[in-house]
Amino acid sequence: AIETAPLSDVEGMLAGLAHDFRRALDRACPDI
């Protein structure tokens, strides 16, 4: 129920998710 991780790793994962989502959105709906 509880895990710990380096702040930089968590921030990196969330930034990666945002980046990957943006790339997919660029392809599917560039105006959005």
All heavy atoms as atom14 arrays in JSON, in Angstrom:
{
  "sequence": "AIETAPLSDVEGMLAGLAHDFRRALDRACPDI",
  "atom14_mask": [
    [1, 1, 1, 1, 1, 0, 0, 0, 0, 0, 0, 0, 0, 0],
    [1, 1, 1, 1, 1, 1, 1, 1, 0, 0, 0, 0, 0, 0],
    [1, 1, 1, 1, 1, 1, 1, 1, 1, 0, 0, 0, 0, 0],
    [1, 1, 1, 1, 1, 1, 1, 0, 0, 0, 0, 0, 0, 0],
    [1, 1, 1, 1, 1, 0, 0, 0, 0, 0, 0, 0, 0, 0],
    [1, 1, 1, 1, 1, 1, 1, 0, 0, 0, 0, 0, 0, 0],
    [1, 1, 1, 1, 1, 1, 1, 1, 0, 0, 0, 0, 0, 0],
    [1, 1, 1, 1, 1, 1, 0, 0, 0, 0, 0, 0, 0, 0],
    [1, 1, 1, 1, 1, 1, 1, 1, 0, 0, 0, 0, 0, 0],
    [1, 1, 1, 1, 1, 1, 1, 0, 0, 0, 0, 0, 0, 0],
    [1, 1, 1, 1, 1, 1, 1, 1, 1, 0, 0, 0, 0, 0],
    [1, 1, 1, 1, 0, 0, 0, 0, 0, 0, 0, 0, 0, 0],
    [1, 1, 1, 1, 1, 1, 1, 1, 0, 0, 0, 0, 0, 0],
    [1, 1, 1, 1, 1, 1, 1, 1, 0, 0, 0, 0, 0, 0],
    [1, 1, 1, 1, 1, 0, 0, 0, 0, 0, 0, 0, 0, 0],
    [1, 1, 1, 1, 0, 0, 0, 0, 0, 0, 0, 0, 0, 0],
    [1, 1, 1, 1, 1, 1, 1, 1, 0, 0, 0, 0, 0, 0],
    [1, 1, 1, 1, 1, 0, 0, 0, 0, 0, 0, 0, 0, 0],
    [1, 1, 1, 1, 1, 1, 1, 1, 1, 1, 0, 0, 0, 0],
    [1, 1, 1, 1, 1, 1, 1, 1, 0, 0, 0, 0, 0, 0],
    [1, 1, 1, 1, 1, 1, 1, 1, 1, 1, 1, 0, 0, 0],
    [1, 1, 1, 1, 1, 1, 1, 1, 1, 1, 1, 0, 0, 0],
    [1, 1, 1, 1, 1, 1, 1, 1, 1, 1, 1, 0, 0, 0],
    [1, 1, 1, 1, 1, 0, 0, 0, 0, 0, 0, 0, 0, 0],
    [1, 1, 1, 1, 1, 1, 1, 1, 0, 0, 0, 0, 0, 0],
    [1, 1, 1, 1, 1, 1, 1, 1, 0, 0, 0, 0, 0, 0],
    [1, 1, 1, 1, 1, 1, 1, 1, 1, 1, 1, 0, 0, 0],
    [1, 1, 1, 1, 1, 0, 0, 0, 0, 0, 0, 0, 0, 0],
    [1, 1, 1, 1, 1, 1, 0, 0, 0, 0, 0, 0, 0, 0],
    [1, 1, 1, 1, 1, 1, 1, 0, 0, 0, 0, 0, 0, 0],
    [1, 1, 1, 1, 1, 1, 1, 1, 0, 0, 0, 0, 0, 0],
    [1, 1, 1, 1, 1, 1, 1, 1, 0, 0, 0, 0, 0, 0]
  ],
  "atom14_positions": [
    [[0.82, -1.21, 0.0], [0.0, 0.0, 0.0], [0.86, 1.26, 0.0], [0.39, 2.32, -0.37], [-0.92, 0.01, 1.21], [0.0, 0.0, 0.0], [0.0, 0.0, 0.0], [0.0, 0.0, 0.0], [0.0, 0.0, 0.0], [0.0, 0.0, 0.0], [0.0, 0.0, 0.0], [0.0, 0.0, 0.0], [0.0, 0.0, 0.0], [0.0, 0.0, 0.0]],
    [[2.11, 1.12, 0.42], [3.02, 2.26, 0.49], [4.33, 1.89, -0.19], [4.88, 0.81, 0.05], [3.29, 2.67, 1.95], [1.99, 3.07, 2.64], [4.32, 3.8, 2.02], [2.12, 3.32, 4.12], [0.0, 0.0, 0.0], [0.0, 0.0, 0.0], [0.0, 0.0, 0.0], [0.0, 0.0, 0.0], [0.0, 0.0, 0.0], [0.0, 0.0, 0.0]],
    [[4.79, 2.81, -1.05], [6.09, 2.65, -1.7], [6.81, 3.98, -1.66], [6.18, 5.04, -1.59], [5.94, 2.22, -3.15], [5.4, 0.81, -3.31], [5.57, 0.27, -4.72], [6.54, 0.65, -5.39], [4.72, -0.51, -5.12], [0.0, 0.0, 0.0], [0.0, 0.0, 0.0], [0.0, 0.0, 0.0], [0.0, 0.0, 0.0], [0.0, 0.0, 0.0]],
    [[8.13, 3.92, -1.69], [8.92, 5.14, -1.78], [9.82, 5.06, -3.0], [10.19, 3.97, -3.45], [9.78, 5.38, -0.52], [10.69, 4.29, -0.38], [8.92, 5.5, 0.72], [0.0, 0.0, 0.0], [0.0, 0.0, 0.0], [0.0, 0.0, 0.0], [0.0, 0.0, 0.0], [0.0, 0.0, 0.0], [0.0, 0.0, 0.0], [0.0, 0.0, 0.0]],
    [[10.15, 6.24, -3.52], [11.03, 6.32, -4.69], [11.7, 7.68, -4.67], [11.21, 8.63, -4.04], [10.22, 6.16, -5.97], [0.0, 0.0, 0.0], [0.0, 0.0, 0.0], [0.0, 0.0, 0.0], [0.0, 0.0, 0.0], [0.0, 0.0, 0.0], [0.0, 0.0, 0.0], [0.0, 0.0, 0.0], [0.0, 0.0, 0.0], [0.0, 0.0, 0.0]],
    [[12.83, 7.78, -5.36], [13.47, 9.1, -5.46], [12.54, 10.1, -6.16], [11.85, 9.74, -7.12], [14.71, 8.83, -6.31], [14.99, 7.37, -6.13], [13.63, 6.73, -5.99], [0.0, 0.0, 0.0], [0.0, 0.0, 0.0], [0.0, 0.0, 0.0], [0.0, 0.0, 0.0], [0.0, 0.0, 0.0], [0.0, 0.0, 0.0], [0.0, 0.0, 0.0]],
    [[12.51, 11.31, -5.66], [11.7, 12.37, -6.24], [11.99, 12.52, -7.73], [11.07, 12.63, -8.54], [11.97, 13.7, -5.52], [11.34, 14.95, -6.09], [9.82, 14.84, -6.09], [11.79, 16.18, -5.32], [0.0, 0.0, 0.0], [0.0, 0.0, 0.0], [0.0, 0.0, 0.0], [0.0, 0.0, 0.0], [0.0, 0.0, 0.0], [0.0, 0.0, 0.0]],
    [[13.26, 12.47, -8.11], [13.62, 12.62, -9.52], [13.03, 11.51, -10.38], [12.62, 11.76, -11.53], [15.14, 12.67, -9.69], [15.72, 11.48, -9.2], [0.0, 0.0, 0.0], [0.0, 0.0, 0.0], [0.0, 0.0, 0.0], [0.0, 0.0, 0.0], [0.0, 0.0, 0.0], [0.0, 0.0, 0.0], [0.0, 0.0, 0.0], [0.0, 0.0, 0.0]],
    [[12.94, 10.29, -9.87], [12.34, 9.19, -10.62], [10.85, 9.41, -10.84], [10.33, 9.19, -11.93], [12.56, 7.85, -9.91], [13.99, 7.35, -9.98], [14.84, 8.02, -10.61], [14.25, 6.29, -9.39], [0.0, 0.0, 0.0], [0.0, 0.0, 0.0], [0.0, 0.0, 0.0], [0.0, 0.0, 0.0], [0.0, 0.0, 0.0], [0.0, 0.0, 0.0]],
    [[10.16, 9.83, -9.78], [8.71, 10.06, -9.88], [8.43, 11.21, -10.83], [7.57, 11.11, -11.71], [8.09, 10.3, -8.49], [6.62, 10.66, -8.6], [8.26, 9.05, -7.61], [0.0, 0.0, 0.0], [0.0, 0.0, 0.0], [0.0, 0.0, 0.0], [0.0, 0.0, 0.0], [0.0, 0.0, 0.0], [0.0, 0.0, 0.0], [0.0, 0.0, 0.0]],
    [[9.17, 12.3, -10.67], [8.99, 13.43, -11.59], [9.29, 13.02, -13.02], [8.58, 13.42, -13.95], [9.89, 14.6, -11.18], [9.43, 15.3, -9.92], [10.35, 16.42, -9.51], [11.57, 16.3, -9.68], [9.82, 17.42, -9.01], [0.0, 0.0, 0.0], [0.0, 0.0, 0.0], [0.0, 0.0, 0.0], [0.0, 0.0, 0.0], [0.0, 0.0, 0.0]],
    [[10.3, 12.2, -13.21], [10.64, 11.71, -14.55], [9.55, 10.85, -15.15], [9.24, 10.98, -16.34], [0.0, 0.0, 0.0], [0.0, 0.0, 0.0], [0.0, 0.0, 0.0], [0.0, 0.0, 0.0], [0.0, 0.0, 0.0], [0.0, 0.0, 0.0], [0.0, 0.0, 0.0], [0.0, 0.0, 0.0], [0.0, 0.0, 0.0], [0.0, 0.0, 0.0]],
    [[8.94, 9.99, -14.35], [7.84, 9.16, -14.85], [6.64, 10.0, -15.24], [6.02, 9.77, -16.29], [7.44, 8.12, -13.8], [8.41, 6.97, -13.68], [7.8, 5.68, -12.58], [8.49, 6.23, -11.03], [0.0, 0.0, 0.0], [0.0, 0.0, 0.0], [0.0, 0.0, 0.0], [0.0, 0.0, 0.0], [0.0, 0.0, 0.0], [0.0, 0.0, 0.0]],
    [[6.3, 10.98, -14.41], [5.16, 11.84, -14.72], [5.44, 12.71, -15.94], [4.56, 12.91, -16.79], [4.79, 12.69, -13.51], [4.3, 11.91, -12.28], [4.1, 12.85, -11.1], [3.03, 11.13, -12.59], [0.0, 0.0, 0.0], [0.0, 0.0, 0.0], [0.0, 0.0, 0.0], [0.0, 0.0, 0.0], [0.0, 0.0, 0.0], [0.0, 0.0, 0.0]],
    [[6.67, 13.22, -16.06], [7.04, 14.0, -17.24], [7.01, 13.12, -18.49], [6.57, 13.55, -19.56], [8.43, 14.61, -17.06], [0.0, 0.0, 0.0], [0.0, 0.0, 0.0], [0.0, 0.0, 0.0], [0.0, 0.0, 0.0], [0.0, 0.0, 0.0], [0.0, 0.0, 0.0], [0.0, 0.0, 0.0], [0.0, 0.0, 0.0], [0.0, 0.0, 0.0]],
    [[7.46, 11.88, -18.36], [7.42, 10.94, -19.49], [5.99, 10.64, -19.93], [5.71, 10.58, -21.13], [0.0, 0.0, 0.0], [0.0, 0.0, 0.0], [0.0, 0.0, 0.0], [0.0, 0.0, 0.0], [0.0, 0.0, 0.0], [0.0, 0.0, 0.0], [0.0, 0.0, 0.0], [0.0, 0.0, 0.0], [0.0, 0.0, 0.0], [0.0, 0.0, 0.0]],
    [[5.1, 10.48, -18.96], [3.69, 10.25, -19.29], [3.13, 11.44, -20.04], [2.46, 11.29, -21.07], [2.88, 9.98, -18.03], [1.37, 9.85, -18.2], [1.02, 8.7, -19.15], [0.7, 9.69, -16.85], [0.0, 0.0, 0.0], [0.0, 0.0, 0.0], [0.0, 0.0, 0.0], [0.0, 0.0, 0.0], [0.0, 0.0, 0.0], [0.0, 0.0, 0.0]],
    [[3.41, 12.65, -19.55], [2.93, 13.87, -20.21], [3.49, 13.96, -21.63], [2.75, 14.24, -22.58], [3.32, 15.1, -19.39], [0.0, 0.0, 0.0], [0.0, 0.0, 0.0], [0.0, 0.0, 0.0], [0.0, 0.0, 0.0], [0.0, 0.0, 0.0], [0.0, 0.0, 0.0], [0.0, 0.0, 0.0], [0.0, 0.0, 0.0], [0.0, 0.0, 0.0]],
    [[4.76, 13.7, -21.78], [5.4, 13.77, -23.09], [4.81, 12.76, -24.06], [4.48, 13.09, -25.21], [6.91, 13.55, -22.95], [7.63, 13.47, -24.24], [7.92, 14.58, -25.01], [8.1, 12.41, -24.92], [8.55, 14.2, -26.1], [8.67, 12.88, -26.07], [0.0, 0.0, 0.0], [0.0, 0.0, 0.0], [0.0, 0.0, 0.0], [0.0, 0.0, 0.0]],
    [[4.67, 11.53, -23.61], [4.12, 10.48, -24.48], [2.67, 10.77, -24.86], [2.26, 10.55, -26.0], [4.21, 9.11, -23.8], [5.65, 8.62, -23.68], [6.56, 9.21, -24.3], [5.86, 7.64, -22.93], [0.0, 0.0, 0.0], [0.0, 0.0, 0.0], [0.0, 0.0, 0.0], [0.0, 0.0, 0.0], [0.0, 0.0, 0.0], [0.0, 0.0, 0.0]],
    [[1.9, 11.3, -23.91], [0.52, 11.65, -24.21], [0.48, 12.77, -25.24], [-0.3, 12.74, -26.18], [-0.23, 12.05, -22.94], [-1.68, 12.3, -23.17], [-2.57, 11.24, -23.25], [-2.17, 13.58, -23.34], [-3.92, 11.45, -23.5], [-3.52, 13.81, -23.57], [-4.39, 12.74, -23.65], [0.0, 0.0, 0.0], [0.0, 0.0, 0.0], [0.0, 0.0, 0.0]],
    [[1.34, 13.76, -25.07], [1.39, 14.88, -26.02], [1.76, 14.38, -27.42], [1.19, 14.81, -28.42], [2.39, 15.92, -25.53], [2.81, 16.97, -26.56], [1.62, 17.84, -26.99], [1.91, 18.59, -28.18], [2.44, 19.8, -28.22], [2.75, 20.41, -27.1], [2.64, 20.39, -29.36], [0.0, 0.0, 0.0], [0.0, 0.0, 0.0], [0.0, 0.0, 0.0]],
    [[2.72, 13.48, -27.52], [3.11, 12.92, -28.83], [1.94, 12.22, -29.49], [1.69, 12.37, -30.69], [4.3, 11.99, -28.68], [5.59, 12.73, -28.4], [6.78, 11.84, -28.42], [6.89, 11.22, -29.74], [7.58, 10.13, -29.98], [8.25, 9.54, -29.02], [7.65, 9.63, -31.2], [0.0, 0.0, 0.0], [0.0, 0.0, 0.0], [0.0, 0.0, 0.0]],
    [[1.2, 11.44, -28.72], [0.03, 10.75, -29.27], [-1.04, 11.76, -29.69], [-1.67, 11.61, -30.74], [-0.54, 9.77, -28.25], [0.0, 0.0, 0.0], [0.0, 0.0, 0.0], [0.0, 0.0, 0.0], [0.0, 0.0, 0.0], [0.0, 0.0, 0.0], [0.0, 0.0, 0.0], [0.0, 0.0, 0.0], [0.0, 0.0, 0.0], [0.0, 0.0, 0.0]],
    [[-1.21, 12.78, -28.89], [-2.18, 13.82, -29.2], [-1.78, 14.6, -30.45], [-2.64, 14.95, -31.27], [-2.33, 14.75, -28.0], [-3.56, 15.62, -27.92], [-4.84, 14.78, -28.01], [-3.55, 16.42, -26.62], [0.0, 0.0, 0.0], [0.0, 0.0, 0.0], [0.0, 0.0, 0.0], [0.0, 0.0, 0.0], [0.0, 0.0, 0.0], [0.0, 0.0, 0.0]],
    [[-0.49, 14.83, -30.62], [0.01, 15.49, -31.84], [-0.42, 14.73, -33.08], [-0.79, 15.32, -34.09], [1.53, 15.59, -31.83], [2.05, 16.77, -31.05], [1.31, 17.75, -30.85], [3.22, 16.71, -30.63], [0.0, 0.0, 0.0], [0.0, 0.0, 0.0], [0.0, 0.0, 0.0], [0.0, 0.0, 0.0], [0.0, 0.0, 0.0], [0.0, 0.0, 0.0]],
    [[-0.35, 13.43, -33.02], [-0.71, 12.58, -34.17], [-2.22, 12.5, -34.37], [-2.71, 12.51, -35.5], [-0.14, 11.18, -33.98], [1.35, 11.14, -34.06], [1.88, 9.72, -33.92], [3.32, 9.75, -33.89], [4.06, 9.13, -33.0], [3.48, 8.4, -32.06], [5.37, 9.22, -33.03], [0.0, 0.0, 0.0], [0.0, 0.0, 0.0], [0.0, 0.0, 0.0]],
    [[-2.95, 12.38, -33.26], [-4.39, 12.14, -33.36], [-5.2, 13.42, -33.53], [-6.2, 13.43, -34.24], [-4.88, 11.39, -32.12], [0.0, 0.0, 0.0], [0.0, 0.0, 0.0], [0.0, 0.0, 0.0], [0.0, 0.0, 0.0], [0.0, 0.0, 0.0], [0.0, 0.0, 0.0], [0.0, 0.0, 0.0], [0.0, 0.0, 0.0], [0.0, 0.0, 0.0]],
    [[-4.77, 14.5, -32.88], [-5.57, 15.72, -32.89], [-4.67, 16.93, -32.62], [-4.66, 17.47, -31.51], [-6.67, 15.62, -31.84], [-8.0, 16.77, -32.12], [0.0, 0.0, 0.0], [0.0, 0.0, 0.0], [0.0, 0.0, 0.0], [0.0, 0.0, 0.0], [0.0, 0.0, 0.0], [0.0, 0.0, 0.0], [0.0, 0.0, 0.0], [0.0, 0.0, 0.0]],
    [[-3.91, 17.36, -33.62], [-2.94, 18.43, -33.41], [-3.53, 19.75, -32.93], [-2.87, 20.49, -32.21], [-2.28, 18.62, -34.78], [-2.86, 17.62, -35.69], [-3.89, 16.84, -34.97], [0.0, 0.0, 0.0], [0.0, 0.0, 0.0], [0.0, 0.0, 0.0], [0.0, 0.0, 0.0], [0.0, 0.0, 0.0], [0.0, 0.0, 0.0], [0.0, 0.0, 0.0]],
    [[-4.78, 20.05, -33.29], [-5.37, 21.3, -32.83], [-5.58, 21.3, -31.31], [-5.41, 22.33, -30.65], [-6.68, 21.61, -33.55], [-7.7, 20.49, -33.44], [-7.31, 19.32, -33.48], [-8.9, 20.8, -33.32], [0.0, 0.0, 0.0], [0.0, 0.0, 0.0], [0.0, 0.0, 0.0], [0.0, 0.0, 0.0], [0.0, 0.0, 0.0], [0.0, 0.0, 0.0]],
    [[-5.89, 20.16, -30.74], [-6.03, 20.07, -29.28], [-4.64, 20.04, -28.63], [-4.44, 20.64, -27.57], [-6.87, 18.84, -28.87], [-8.31, 19.06, -29.31], [-6.78, 18.6, -27.36], [-9.23, 17.91, -29.06], [0.0, 0.0, 0.0], [0.0, 0.0, 0.0], [0.0, 0.0, 0.0], [0.0, 0.0, 0.0], [0.0, 0.0, 0.0], [0.0, 0.0, 0.0]]
  ]
}
